[in-house]
Each structure stands twice: as C-alpha cells, then as structure tokens.
Amino acid sequence: MPLPPPSSTTTAVVTGASAGIGADIARELAARGHGVTLVARREDRLRDLAAELADDVRTETIACDVADPEARAALFDQVAERGLAVDILVNNAGIGTIGSVTKSPVADEIAQVRVNVEAVIDLTTRAVQQMVPRGRGAILNVGSTAGYHPFPGQSGYAGTKAFVKTYTEGVRAELAGSGVTVAMLAPGPVRTEFLQAAGMDERAFAAAFPKFMWVPSREVARIGVDALEHDRGTVIAGRQNVLATRLLQALPRAVLLRTLRSQHPGLRRDRSAV
C-alpha cells in the first residue's frame, strides 16, 4: 500500500526534524499534502520550520529527546491529545561518533545506540500497534550506506545502521499485506549538521569522498518519501551511491577493511593527533 491519503485528523511524525534530512523529509511530505508533527530536542528550530510549512498543511511541534525512554513513551500520547492519529512515522533522528574507538567517550558510543537503535525499535513498535489495526500507515527508517559493511572510523555508527537495515527489512516482511508500508532510506554523504555534531571537520571529510557521491539533502528526502509512496522497501539515495556500495560489498573483506582504515578521515585525524 502506498502512503495513506492526507486527512485533517492524521499526521506524519518526523523525528530529528530540526535540520538536514529530517527537515527536508517534512518539507517533502507537506508538499504532498500531509500534515506534519515535527519532533526534535530544539523546539526553536522546529517552530521556524513549522512556520515555513503552516500555510500549506497543519503543523505541530513537540520537543522530545528520543534518547529518553520516558519522553518517547509520551510522544504518541501527545499527538493523540491534539486530536491526531499517526499515519506516517519517520525515524530520522540519528547521531554518531567519528574516529578511533580508543579515543571515543564511552557515553557517546552508548548514546548513539539509544538514538539510532532503541528509539527506532520503540517508536516503530508503538506505531505498528496503532497502524495495523487500522489497516493503513507508513514507516520510514533512515539508515545509511555505512550500514552495508564494517566501517573503521565509524564502527559503532555503522553497527547501529546495519541494525536499522536488518530490523526494517524484517518488520517489512512481517507486515506484508497489513496495509502498512515499511521502508528504509540509506543516504551516502550528505551535507548536514551530522559531521559538526560528531566533531568532524566537514572539509576533511568531504575530501575523502568524491564530489559526485554527495547528494543534496532535499533529493535524499524525495527518494525516501518516494520509497514509501511506491512501496520500494530498502533504497540507497543516488545511483552513484548504489554503485559505490555494491563495489565495496564486492571487494574481499580484508582489502575493504584495510582500505577504509587507511583512508577514513576520522582515523587519520586521530593518528595525526598522537
């Protein structure tokens, strides 16, 4: 089933909607007539986006740290209190560490699991248990091309995104025929605030990836929403990243790991700091 049709009593909940891919997914959904509920920690940023979209669709904002189990548990109740049902869920919120695990704070390594894994399981489960009885709904989980193979320099992050891929594909198979569409979007390099939040110089990171691999955030968002609209399941954003990912998968594992270890800008940064 494609995306549920927009209505005045339903909404698309988008986590991590304050910037980057999340904000652009909200824009893409609003352009297709769907009301949106914008979720992130920074409510001021959410209000700016809500004001931008308010002329076209109903917009709501909810400040919520998806790493907090109690905040997650209350999220859908807050949506219901506003007279809305969650017809679309986009699990976009994500964080990650970059660099050697020998230098990464333990708290940061665990935090990315809470956001990238725990929150996805929690919110997906809650959404599914509301959507399936209604016989309609759509869930988009945002993964990464980093989840397709081990990624020295971002080992924990890649592990969480590998989980997102496997989990999403399993849930999609479980819900086949239920009326609920499930998809995963795997972006490659995208210019967002992710690198800054991870403490990485964007210029150094950009130099490690050819320019043709970088896909604009809004284009990534369109690919993800199209995956729901046309029930495409798992999609990689951009043909160039499809080809690059397939190539890396085809390399002998020892060659792949040695190459990534030597070239990852986060590891080069850490080695130069010694």
Foldseek 3Di string as FASTA:
>chain_A
DFQDQADQAAAEEFEPCLWFLSVLLCVVVLVRPGEYEYEEQDQVSVVVSCVVSVVRYHYHYDHADLLDPVRLVCVQVVSVVVRHHYQEYELEDAAFAFAAPVPDDPVRLVSRCSRLPVSCVSNVVVNCVRALVVLAHEYEYEAALLLLAQFPRGRSNNVSSVVVQVVQVVVQVVCVPSHYATAYEHEYAEPICRCVVNVHDVVLQCVLDDPVRYDYSNQSSVVRSVCRRVRVHYDYRDPVSVVVSVVLVPDDNVVSVVVSCVRHSNHVVVVVVD
